[in-house]
Amino acid sequence: MKAMTLIFGLVLAAFVTPAASEECAVGAYRLQGGDVVDIAPSEGEMLRWRRPDGTTGALMRGTSGAWTSSLGWTGRSDGVRVTFDCKHGAIVFGGVHGRRIAFDVSETRFAVEGAMLSGRLIMPHGKEAAPIVVLVHGAERISARETYALQRLLPAAGIGAFVYDKRGTGDSSGRYTHDYLILAVDAVAAMREARRIAGDRAGRIGYQAGSQGGWVAPLAARITLVDFVVVSPGGATRSSPPLRARADRSMWPFFHAPSTACTNLNWPPMARDFQHGSPPPILQ
């Protein structure tokens, strides 16, 4: 019975944050028809919804208890109205009913040089093995464990996720830093902790990283080899020569490592600058 209570508490931790009553709504929901929507904390007392295709909106509580949505970060109403029944784990999103998705969740703290980091492994419910994605921070100072929607969107798609507060943020101790090597070593420790907790359920494991994390994750994978690296820097303009040189140094080895794959999701200008199959100029 104690074990069942512990498991229930861990599952509940995936979508409940006690800091504010409205955050009982935080979680991933499967809507009628099979679509998934994630609800995460946002600025102030707002919430933010996201779908796996990247569409998103900000939710503001109305006087009636319902939440109204604005498109992306524009502040313009998109006509979506959302209500929650936290007691029964239910949602009505834009007129479509849904239920909260249960996951297998393990909270952890692990030691790195000069800090203790707080992490969370979220696996699809069950006993089957699954790939695991370690989510690497950008430069933000916010808690990834509180705000990263991918920690639930990935398990909703059958993929495990390990999210952690980098040093100096959230519930992690240590000094906040922009030192890529320190952050890369921390990411390696996070990967090892995820693999340890998952045990026999751990399949292929690697990193997903955006913004500053797009420099950190490839460096971490050079320290200790992983199965994949997904980099999502999100740049809107052509990268500068110094940035291309730094990326060349970090990413080029993955073009030749047989057990890894480096994927650049949304930075076509940089993708065109890589010379696939031969060393970039900085390494020649």
C-alpha atoms as a PDB file:
ATOM      1  CA  MET A   1       0.000   0.000   0.000  1.00  0.00           C
ATOM      2  CA  LYS A   2       2.851   2.384   0.795  1.00  0.00           C
ATOM      3  CA  ALA A   3       4.377   1.617  -2.623  1.00  0.00           C
ATOM      4  CA  MET A   4       1.052   2.321  -4.344  1.00  0.00           C
ATOM      5  CA  THR A   5       0.764   5.616  -2.472  1.00  0.00           C
ATOM      6  CA  LEU A   6       4.294   6.610  -3.525  1.00  0.00           C
ATOM      7  CA  ILE A   7       3.595   5.815  -7.182  1.00  0.00           C
ATOM      8  CA  PHE A   8       0.364   7.806  -7.078  1.00  0.00           C
ATOM      9  CA  GLY A   9       2.183  10.751  -5.525  1.00  0.00           C
ATOM     10  CA  LEU A  10       4.868  10.683  -8.204  1.00  0.00           C
ATOM     11  CA  VAL A  11       2.301  10.558 -11.006  1.00  0.00           C
ATOM     12  CA  LEU A  12       0.461  13.457  -9.423  1.00  0.00           C
ATOM     13  CA  ALA A  13       3.698  15.470  -9.265  1.00  0.00           C
ATOM     14  CA  ALA A  14       3.778  15.569 -13.063  1.00  0.00           C
ATOM     15  CA  PHE A  15       0.911  18.021 -13.165  1.00  0.00           C
ATOM     16  CA  VAL A  16       0.522  19.580  -9.719  1.00  0.00           C
ATOM     17  CA  THR A  17       2.600  22.459  -8.396  1.00  0.00           C
ATOM     18  CA  PRO A  18       1.499  23.655  -4.941  1.00  0.00           C
ATOM     19  CA  ALA A  19       2.699  27.242  -5.406  1.00  0.00           C
ATOM     20  CA  ALA A  20      -0.662  28.436  -6.766  1.00  0.00           C
ATOM     21  CA  SER A  21      -4.137  26.881  -6.849  1.00  0.00           C
ATOM     22  CA  GLU A  22      -4.581  27.415 -10.612  1.00  0.00           C
ATOM     23  CA  GLU A  23      -1.553  25.245 -11.273  1.00  0.00           C
ATOM     24  CA  CYS A  24      -3.535  22.113 -10.422  1.00  0.00           C
ATOM     25  CA  ALA A  25      -4.390  22.340 -14.125  1.00  0.00           C
ATOM     26  CA  VAL A  26      -0.765  21.811 -15.200  1.00  0.00           C
ATOM     27  CA  GLY A  27      -0.375  18.588 -17.169  1.00  0.00           C
ATOM     28  CA  ALA A  28      -0.788  16.889 -20.538  1.00  0.00           C
ATOM     29  CA  TYR A  29      -4.300  16.016 -21.707  1.00  0.00           C
ATOM     30  CA  ARG A  30      -5.548  13.688 -24.422  1.00  0.00           C
ATOM     31  CA  LEU A  31      -8.552  15.206 -26.126  1.00  0.00           C
ATOM     32  CA  GLN A  32     -11.405  13.363 -27.739  1.00  0.00           C
ATOM     33  CA  GLY A  33     -10.177  12.400 -31.177  1.00  0.00           C
ATOM     34  CA  GLY A  34      -6.652  11.700 -29.905  1.00  0.00           C
ATOM     35  CA  ASP A  35      -5.027  15.156 -30.009  1.00  0.00           C
ATOM     36  CA  VAL A  36      -2.768  16.139 -27.111  1.00  0.00           C
ATOM     37  CA  VAL A  37      -2.506  19.535 -25.442  1.00  0.00           C
ATOM     38  CA  ASP A  38      -0.106  20.484 -22.649  1.00  0.00           C
ATOM     39  CA  ILE A  39      -0.833  23.074 -19.980  1.00  0.00           C
ATOM     40  CA  ALA A  40       2.197  24.652 -18.291  1.00  0.00           C
ATOM     41  CA  PRO A  41       2.788  27.559 -15.877  1.00  0.00           C
ATOM     42  CA  SER A  42       3.572  30.900 -17.477  1.00  0.00           C
ATOM     43  CA  GLU A  43       4.237  34.474 -16.439  1.00  0.00           C
ATOM     44  CA  GLY A  44       2.419  35.713 -13.351  1.00  0.00           C
ATOM     45  CA  GLU A  45      -0.863  33.874 -12.880  1.00  0.00           C
ATOM     46  CA  MET A  46      -1.163  32.871 -16.519  1.00  0.00           C
ATOM     47  CA  LEU A  47      -0.917  29.402 -18.003  1.00  0.00           C
ATOM     48  CA  ARG A  48       0.353  28.403 -21.458  1.00  0.00           C
ATOM     49  CA  TRP A  49      -1.013  25.673 -23.703  1.00  0.00           C
ATOM     50  CA  ARG A  50       1.025  23.914 -26.363  1.00  0.00           C
ATOM     51  CA  ARG A  51       0.346  21.230 -28.940  1.00  0.00           C
ATOM     52  CA  PRO A  52       2.936  18.819 -30.362  1.00  0.00           C
ATOM     53  CA  ASP A  53       2.907  20.772 -33.661  1.00  0.00           C
ATOM     54  CA  GLY A  54       4.209  23.876 -31.858  1.00  0.00           C
ATOM     55  CA  THR A  55       1.006  25.912 -31.765  1.00  0.00           C
ATOM     56  CA  THR A  56       0.618  27.705 -28.445  1.00  0.00           C
ATOM     57  CA  GLY A  57      -1.331  30.340 -26.598  1.00  0.00           C
ATOM     58  CA  ALA A  58      -1.442  32.174 -23.272  1.00  0.00           C
ATOM     59  CA  LEU A  59      -4.326  31.483 -20.897  1.00  0.00           C
ATOM     60  CA  MET A  60      -5.794  34.136 -18.628  1.00  0.00           C
ATOM     61  CA  ARG A  61      -8.380  33.280 -15.978  1.00  0.00           C
ATOM     62  CA  GLY A  62     -11.727  34.979 -16.488  1.00  0.00           C
ATOM     63  CA  THR A  63     -14.174  36.103 -13.833  1.00  0.00           C
ATOM     64  CA  SER A  64     -16.384  33.057 -14.467  1.00  0.00           C
ATOM     65  CA  GLY A  65     -13.549  30.617 -13.708  1.00  0.00           C
ATOM     66  CA  ALA A  66     -12.982  29.767 -17.354  1.00  0.00           C
ATOM     67  CA  TRP A  67      -9.705  30.612 -19.066  1.00  0.00           C
ATOM     68  CA  THR A  68      -9.450  32.579 -22.301  1.00  0.00           C
ATOM     69  CA  SER A  69      -6.600  32.168 -24.767  1.00  0.00           C
ATOM     70  CA  SER A  70      -4.516  34.627 -26.774  1.00  0.00           C
ATOM     71  CA  LEU A  71      -2.553  33.485 -29.834  1.00  0.00           C
ATOM     72  CA  GLY A  72       1.120  32.738 -29.234  1.00  0.00           C
ATOM     73  CA  TRP A  73       2.690  35.750 -27.547  1.00  0.00           C
ATOM     74  CA  THR A  74       0.638  38.322 -29.461  1.00  0.00           C
ATOM     75  CA  GLY A  75      -1.946  39.107 -26.794  1.00  0.00           C
ATOM     76  CA  ARG A  76      -4.657  38.784 -29.499  1.00  0.00           C
ATOM     77  CA  SER A  77      -7.612  36.598 -28.652  1.00  0.00           C
ATOM     78  CA  ASP A  78      -7.790  33.349 -30.640  1.00  0.00           C
ATOM     79  CA  GLY A  79     -11.287  32.457 -29.464  1.00  0.00           C
ATOM     80  CA  VAL A  80     -10.206  29.401 -27.459  1.00  0.00           C
ATOM     81  CA  ARG A  81     -11.946  28.953 -24.108  1.00  0.00           C
ATOM     82  CA  VAL A  82     -10.628  26.430 -21.580  1.00  0.00           C
ATOM     83  CA  THR A  83     -12.087  24.996 -18.385  1.00  0.00           C
ATOM     84  CA  PHE A  84     -10.534  22.530 -15.931  1.00  0.00           C
ATOM     85  CA  ASP A  85     -11.941  19.994 -13.513  1.00  0.00           C
ATOM     86  CA  CYS A  86      -8.853  19.343 -11.411  1.00  0.00           C
ATOM     87  CA  LYS A  87     -10.631  16.910  -9.101  1.00  0.00           C
ATOM     88  CA  HIS A  88     -11.345  14.541 -11.987  1.00  0.00           C
ATOM     89  CA  GLY A  89      -8.331  15.416 -14.174  1.00  0.00           C
ATOM     90  CA  ALA A  90     -10.539  16.729 -16.955  1.00  0.00           C
ATOM     91  CA  ILE A  91     -10.356  19.599 -19.431  1.00  0.00           C
ATOM     92  CA  VAL A  92     -12.593  21.214 -22.010  1.00  0.00           C
ATOM     93  CA  PHE A  93     -10.319  22.833 -24.587  1.00  0.00           C
ATOM     94  CA  GLY A  94     -12.046  24.869 -27.269  1.00  0.00           C
ATOM     95  CA  GLY A  95     -15.209  22.848 -26.777  1.00  0.00           C
ATOM     96  CA  VAL A  96     -13.394  19.455 -26.914  1.00  0.00           C
ATOM     97  CA  HIS A  97     -13.335  17.288 -23.796  1.00  0.00           C
ATOM     98  CA  GLY A  98     -10.160  15.576 -22.636  1.00  0.00           C
ATOM     99  CA  ARG A  99      -8.555  13.684 -19.773  1.00  0.00           C
ATOM    100  CA  ARG A 100      -5.210  14.146 -18.055  1.00  0.00           C
ATOM    101  CA  ILE A 101      -2.559  11.631 -19.121  1.00  0.00           C
ATOM    102  CA  ALA A 102      -0.924   9.601 -16.335  1.00  0.00           C
ATOM    103  CA  PHE A 103       2.840   9.079 -16.457  1.00  0.00           C
ATOM    104  CA  ASP A 104       5.402   7.237 -14.376  1.00  0.00           C
ATOM    105  CA  VAL A 105       7.362   9.991 -12.634  1.00  0.00           C
ATOM    106  CA  SER A 106      10.525   9.822 -10.536  1.00  0.00           C
ATOM    107  CA  GLU A 107      11.921  12.871  -8.735  1.00  0.00           C
ATOM    108  CA  THR A 108      15.640  12.924  -7.981  1.00  0.00           C
ATOM    109  CA  ARG A 109      18.597  14.996  -6.832  1.00  0.00           C
ATOM    110  CA  PHE A 110      22.079  14.267  -8.079  1.00  0.00           C
ATOM    111  CA  ALA A 111      25.503  15.677  -7.349  1.00  0.00           C
ATOM    112  CA  VAL A 112      27.721  17.537  -9.817  1.00  0.00           C
ATOM    113  CA  GLU A 113      30.879  19.524  -9.202  1.00  0.00           C
ATOM    114  CA  GLY A 114      29.915  22.327  -6.802  1.00  0.00           C
ATOM    115  CA  ALA A 115      26.146  21.786  -6.920  1.00  0.00           C
ATOM    116  CA  MET A 116      23.185  19.495  -6.309  1.00  0.00           C
ATOM    117  CA  LEU A 117      20.768  19.392  -9.229  1.00  0.00           C
ATOM    118  CA  SER A 118      17.054  18.607  -9.060  1.00  0.00           C
ATOM    119  CA  GLY A 119      15.736  16.405 -11.834  1.00  0.00           C
ATOM    120  CA  ARG A 120      12.657  14.509 -12.900  1.00  0.00           C
ATOM    121  CA  LEU A 121      12.281  11.454 -15.123  1.00  0.00           C
ATOM    122  CA  ILE A 122       8.877  11.142 -16.797  1.00  0.00           C
ATOM    123  CA  MET A 123       8.192   7.883 -18.625  1.00  0.00           C
ATOM    124  CA  PRO A 124       5.133   6.666 -20.493  1.00  0.00           C
ATOM    125  CA  HIS A 125       2.981   4.653 -18.106  1.00  0.00           C
ATOM    126  CA  GLY A 126       3.833   0.969 -18.196  1.00  0.00           C
ATOM    127  CA  LYS A 127       6.815  -1.365 -18.108  1.00  0.00           C
ATOM    128  CA  GLU A 128       8.026  -1.256 -21.709  1.00  0.00           C
ATOM    129  CA  ALA A 129      11.409   0.215 -22.648  1.00  0.00           C
ATOM    130  CA  ALA A 130      11.360   3.635 -24.268  1.00  0.00           C
ATOM    131  CA  PRO A 131      13.881   6.109 -25.670  1.00  0.00           C
ATOM    132  CA  ILE A 132      14.741   8.947 -23.290  1.00  0.00           C
ATOM    133  CA  VAL A 133      15.386  12.585 -24.153  1.00  0.00           C
ATOM    134  CA  VAL A 134      17.408  14.690 -21.703  1.00  0.00           C
ATOM    135  CA  LEU A 135      16.205  18.295 -21.957  1.00  0.00           C
ATOM    136  CA  VAL A 136      19.139  20.717 -21.829  1.00  0.00           C
ATOM    137  CA  HIS A 137      18.531  24.299 -20.644  1.00  0.00           C
ATOM    138  CA  GLY A 138      18.872  27.437 -22.653  1.00  0.00           C
ATOM    139  CA  ALA A 139      20.321  30.539 -21.003  1.00  0.00           C
ATOM    140  CA  GLU A 140      17.148  31.279 -19.038  1.00  0.00           C
ATOM    141  CA  ARG A 141      17.161  31.420 -15.251  1.00  0.00           C
ATOM    142  CA  ILE A 142      13.722  29.852 -14.842  1.00  0.00           C
ATOM    143  CA  SER A 143      13.073  26.340 -13.549  1.00  0.00           C
ATOM    144  CA  ALA A 144      12.910  23.848 -16.403  1.00  0.00           C
ATOM    145  CA  ARG A 145      11.077  21.411 -14.139  1.00  0.00           C
ATOM    146  CA  GLU A 146       8.271  23.940 -13.730  1.00  0.00           C
ATOM    147  CA  THR A 147       7.999  25.314 -17.254  1.00  0.00           C
ATOM    148  CA  TYR A 148       9.224  22.850 -19.922  1.00  0.00           C
ATOM    149  CA  ALA A 149       6.227  21.383 -21.755  1.00  0.00           C
ATOM    150  CA  LEU A 150       8.334  18.757 -23.537  1.00  0.00           C
ATOM    151  CA  GLN A 151       8.685  16.891 -20.251  1.00  0.00           C
ATOM    152  CA  ARG A 152       5.060  15.828 -20.795  1.00  0.00           C
ATOM    153  CA  LEU A 153       4.586  16.110 -24.560  1.00  0.00           C
ATOM    154  CA  LEU A 154       7.346  13.570 -25.191  1.00  0.00           C
ATOM    155  CA  PRO A 155       5.972  10.907 -22.800  1.00  0.00           C
ATOM    156  CA  ALA A 156       2.524  11.477 -24.300  1.00  0.00           C
ATOM    157  CA  ALA A 157       4.108  10.316 -27.578  1.00  0.00           C
ATOM    158  CA  GLY A 158       5.747   7.268 -25.986  1.00  0.00           C
ATOM    159  CA  ILE A 159       9.161   8.872 -25.353  1.00  0.00           C
ATOM    160  CA  GLY A 160      10.692   9.321 -21.916  1.00  0.00           C
ATOM    161  CA  ALA A 161      11.932  12.751 -20.814  1.00  0.00           C
ATOM    162  CA  PHE A 162      14.427  13.812 -18.173  1.00  0.00           C
ATOM    163  CA  VAL A 163      14.164  17.448 -17.137  1.00  0.00           C
ATOM    164  CA  TYR A 164      16.405  19.146 -14.590  1.00  0.00           C
ATOM    165  CA  ASP A 165      16.982  22.595 -13.151  1.00  0.00           C
ATOM    166  CA  LYS A 166      20.447  23.654 -14.184  1.00  0.00           C
ATOM    167  CA  ARG A 167      22.793  24.957 -11.509  1.00  0.00           C
ATOM    168  CA  GLY A 168      21.627  28.175  -9.896  1.00  0.00           C
ATOM    169  CA  THR A 169      18.019  27.828 -11.115  1.00  0.00           C
ATOM    170  CA  GLY A 170      14.848  26.373  -9.624  1.00  0.00           C
ATOM    171  CA  ASP A 171      15.558  23.877  -6.859  1.00  0.00           C
ATOM    172  CA  SER A 172      19.179  23.279  -7.898  1.00  0.00           C
ATOM    173  CA  SER A 173      22.034  24.698  -5.887  1.00  0.00           C
ATOM    174  CA  GLY A 174      25.315  26.069  -7.198  1.00  0.00           C
ATOM    175  CA  ARG A 175      26.247  29.232  -9.015  1.00  0.00           C
ATOM    176  CA  TYR A 176      24.434  30.161 -12.227  1.00  0.00           C
ATOM    177  CA  THR A 177      26.921  30.147 -15.094  1.00  0.00           C
ATOM    178  CA  HIS A 178      27.335  30.519 -18.852  1.00  0.00           C
ATOM    179  CA  ASP A 179      30.411  28.287 -18.864  1.00  0.00           C
ATOM    180  CA  TYR A 180      29.573  25.775 -21.605  1.00  0.00           C
ATOM    181  CA  LEU A 181      32.010  23.154 -20.350  1.00  0.00           C
ATOM    182  CA  ILE A 182      30.566  23.186 -16.825  1.00  0.00           C
ATOM    183  CA  LEU A 183      27.033  23.005 -18.247  1.00  0.00           C
ATOM    184  CA  ALA A 184      28.035  20.174 -20.601  1.00  0.00           C
ATOM    185  CA  VAL A 185      29.497  18.136 -17.745  1.00  0.00           C
ATOM    186  CA  ASP A 186      26.257  18.741 -15.812  1.00  0.00           C
ATOM    187  CA  ALA A 187      24.268  17.516 -18.827  1.00  0.00           C
ATOM    188  CA  VAL A 188      26.338  14.325 -18.905  1.00  0.00           C
ATOM    189  CA  ALA A 189      25.547  13.793 -15.218  1.00  0.00           C
ATOM    190  CA  ALA A 190      21.849  14.323 -15.982  1.00  0.00           C
ATOM    191  CA  MET A 191      21.991  11.760 -18.777  1.00  0.00           C
ATOM    192  CA  ARG A 192      23.618   9.204 -16.486  1.00  0.00           C
ATOM    193  CA  GLU A 193      21.058   9.881 -13.751  1.00  0.00           C
ATOM    194  CA  ALA A 194      18.199   9.402 -16.213  1.00  0.00           C
ATOM    195  CA  ARG A 195      19.668   6.106 -17.370  1.00  0.00           C
ATOM    196  CA  ARG A 196      20.194   4.978 -13.762  1.00  0.00           C
ATOM    197  CA  ILE A 197      16.622   5.715 -12.720  1.00  0.00           C
ATOM    198  CA  ALA A 198      15.075   4.212 -15.855  1.00  0.00           C
ATOM    199  CA  GLY A 199      17.003   0.961 -15.441  1.00  0.00           C
ATOM    200  CA  ASP A 200      15.743  -1.731 -17.793  1.00  0.00           C
ATOM    201  CA  ARG A 201      13.206   0.681 -19.282  1.00  0.00           C
ATOM    202  CA  ALA A 202      15.930   2.861 -20.791  1.00  0.00           C
ATOM    203  CA  GLY A 203      16.177   2.573 -24.560  1.00  0.00           C
ATOM    204  CA  ARG A 204      18.215   4.918 -26.737  1.00  0.00           C
ATOM    205  CA  ILE A 205      19.155   8.098 -24.884  1.00  0.00           C
ATOM    206  CA  GLY A 206      20.290  11.533 -26.003  1.00  0.00           C
ATOM    207  CA  TYR A 207      19.754  15.277 -25.746  1.00  0.00           C
ATOM    208  CA  GLN A 208      17.311  17.892 -26.952  1.00  0.00           C
ATOM    209  CA  ALA A 209      18.447  21.479 -26.529  1.00  0.00           C
ATOM    210  CA  GLY A 210      17.429  24.943 -27.614  1.00  0.00           C
ATOM    211  CA  SER A 211      19.078  28.352 -27.599  1.00  0.00           C
ATOM    212  CA  GLN A 212      22.255  28.278 -25.494  1.00  0.00           C
ATOM    213  CA  GLY A 213      21.683  24.580 -24.930  1.00  0.00           C
ATOM    214  CA  GLY A 214      22.317  24.126 -28.645  1.00  0.00           C
ATOM    215  CA  TRP A 215      25.993  24.741 -27.908  1.00  0.00           C
ATOM    216  CA  VAL A 216      26.022  22.738 -24.673  1.00  0.00           C
ATOM    217  CA  ALA A 217      24.407  19.478 -25.822  1.00  0.00           C
ATOM    218  CA  PRO A 218      26.853  18.649 -28.660  1.00  0.00           C
ATOM    219  CA  LEU A 219      29.735  19.356 -26.298  1.00  0.00           C
ATOM    220  CA  ALA A 220      28.197  17.010 -23.703  1.00  0.00           C
ATOM    221  CA  ALA A 221      27.844  14.316 -26.356  1.00  0.00           C
ATOM    222  CA  ARG A 222      31.531  14.654 -27.214  1.00  0.00           C
ATOM    223  CA  ILE A 223      32.421  14.081 -23.555  1.00  0.00           C
ATOM    224  CA  THR A 224      30.286  10.930 -23.330  1.00  0.00           C
ATOM    225  CA  LEU A 225      28.760   9.428 -26.454  1.00  0.00           C
ATOM    226  CA  VAL A 226      24.968   9.285 -26.676  1.00  0.00           C
ATOM    227  CA  ASP A 227      22.579   7.944 -29.295  1.00  0.00           C
ATOM    228  CA  PHE A 228      21.308  11.268 -30.656  1.00  0.00           C
ATOM    229  CA  VAL A 229      21.429  15.041 -30.282  1.00  0.00           C
ATOM    230  CA  VAL A 230      18.551  17.305 -31.321  1.00  0.00           C
ATOM    231  CA  VAL A 231      19.518  20.984 -31.563  1.00  0.00           C
ATOM    232  CA  SER A 232      16.816  23.645 -31.905  1.00  0.00           C
ATOM    233  CA  PRO A 233      18.565  27.036 -31.717  1.00  0.00           C
ATOM    234  CA  GLY A 234      15.713  28.945 -33.343  1.00  0.00           C
ATOM    235  CA  GLY A 235      17.813  31.565 -35.136  1.00  0.00           C
ATOM    236  CA  ALA A 236      15.933  33.750 -37.628  1.00  0.00           C
ATOM    237  CA  THR A 237      18.934  35.170 -39.481  1.00  0.00           C
ATOM    238  CA  ARG A 238      22.076  33.832 -41.108  1.00  0.00           C
ATOM    239  CA  SER A 239      24.577  32.817 -38.454  1.00  0.00           C
ATOM    240  CA  SER A 240      27.729  34.877 -38.032  1.00  0.00           C
ATOM    241  CA  PRO A 241      31.172  33.385 -38.815  1.00  0.00           C
ATOM    242  CA  PRO A 242      32.113  33.078 -35.104  1.00  0.00           C
ATOM    243  CA  LEU A 243      28.891  31.206 -34.356  1.00  0.00           C
ATOM    244  CA  ARG A 244      29.382  28.923 -37.356  1.00  0.00           C
ATOM    245  CA  ALA A 245      32.938  28.166 -36.234  1.00  0.00           C
ATOM    246  CA  ARG A 246      31.766  27.258 -32.729  1.00  0.00           C
ATOM    247  CA  ALA A 247      29.005  25.060 -34.127  1.00  0.00           C
ATOM    248  CA  ASP A 248      31.427  23.412 -36.554  1.00  0.00           C
ATOM    249  CA  ARG A 249      33.727  22.443 -33.696  1.00  0.00           C
ATOM    250  CA  SER A 250      30.841  21.030 -31.649  1.00  0.00           C
ATOM    251  CA  MET A 251      28.756  19.262 -34.265  1.00  0.00           C
ATOM    252  CA  TRP A 252      30.995  18.027 -37.040  1.00  0.00           C
ATOM    253  CA  PRO A 253      32.064  14.813 -35.194  1.00  0.00           C
ATOM    254  CA  PHE A 254      28.425  13.667 -35.172  1.00  0.00           C
ATOM    255  CA  PHE A 255      28.350  13.485 -38.958  1.00  0.00           C
ATOM    256  CA  HIS A 256      30.777  10.585 -38.662  1.00  0.00           C
ATOM    257  CA  ALA A 257      29.769   8.856 -35.404  1.00  0.00           C
ATOM    258  CA  PRO A 258      27.876   5.672 -36.411  1.00  0.00           C
ATOM    259  CA  SER A 259      25.675   5.525 -33.315  1.00  0.00           C
ATOM    260  CA  THR A 260      24.657   9.173 -33.161  1.00  0.00           C
ATOM    261  CA  ALA A 261      22.543  11.565 -35.136  1.00  0.00           C
ATOM    262  CA  CYS A 262      22.668  15.341 -34.915  1.00  0.00           C
ATOM    263  CA  THR A 263      19.488  17.039 -36.094  1.00  0.00           C
ATOM    264  CA  ASN A 264      19.071  20.785 -36.576  1.00  0.00           C
ATOM    265  CA  LEU A 265      15.327  21.367 -36.400  1.00  0.00           C
ATOM    266  CA  ASN A 266      14.796  24.967 -37.349  1.00  0.00           C
ATOM    267  CA  TRP A 267      17.926  26.834 -38.346  1.00  0.00           C
ATOM    268  CA  PRO A 268      18.219  26.311 -42.134  1.00  0.00           C
ATOM    269  CA  PRO A 269      20.841  29.070 -42.600  1.00  0.00           C
ATOM    270  CA  MET A 270      23.219  27.233 -40.293  1.00  0.00           C
ATOM    271  CA  ALA A 271      22.309  23.844 -41.737  1.00  0.00           C
ATOM    272  CA  ARG A 272      23.399  25.066 -45.186  1.00  0.00           C
ATOM    273  CA  ASP A 273      26.745  26.152 -43.763  1.00  0.00           C
ATOM    274  CA  PHE A 274      27.745  22.632 -42.684  1.00  0.00           C
ATOM    275  CA  GLN A 275      29.715  20.601 -45.194  1.00  0.00           C
ATOM    276  CA  HIS A 276      28.234  17.144 -44.708  1.00  0.00           C
ATOM    277  CA  GLY A 277      30.768  14.365 -45.069  1.00  0.00           C
ATOM    278  CA  SER A 278      33.932  16.465 -44.898  1.00  0.00           C
ATOM    279  CA  PRO A 279      35.533  18.596 -42.186  1.00  0.00           C
ATOM    280  CA  PRO A 280      34.370  22.214 -42.150  1.00  0.00           C
ATOM    281  CA  PRO A 281      37.051  24.821 -42.888  1.00  0.00           C
ATOM    282  CA  ILE A 282      37.732  25.472 -39.219  1.00  0.00           C
ATOM    283  CA  LEU A 283      38.897  21.842 -38.820  1.00  0.00           C
ATOM    284  CA  GLN A 284      40.769  21.394 -42.119  1.00  0.00           C
END
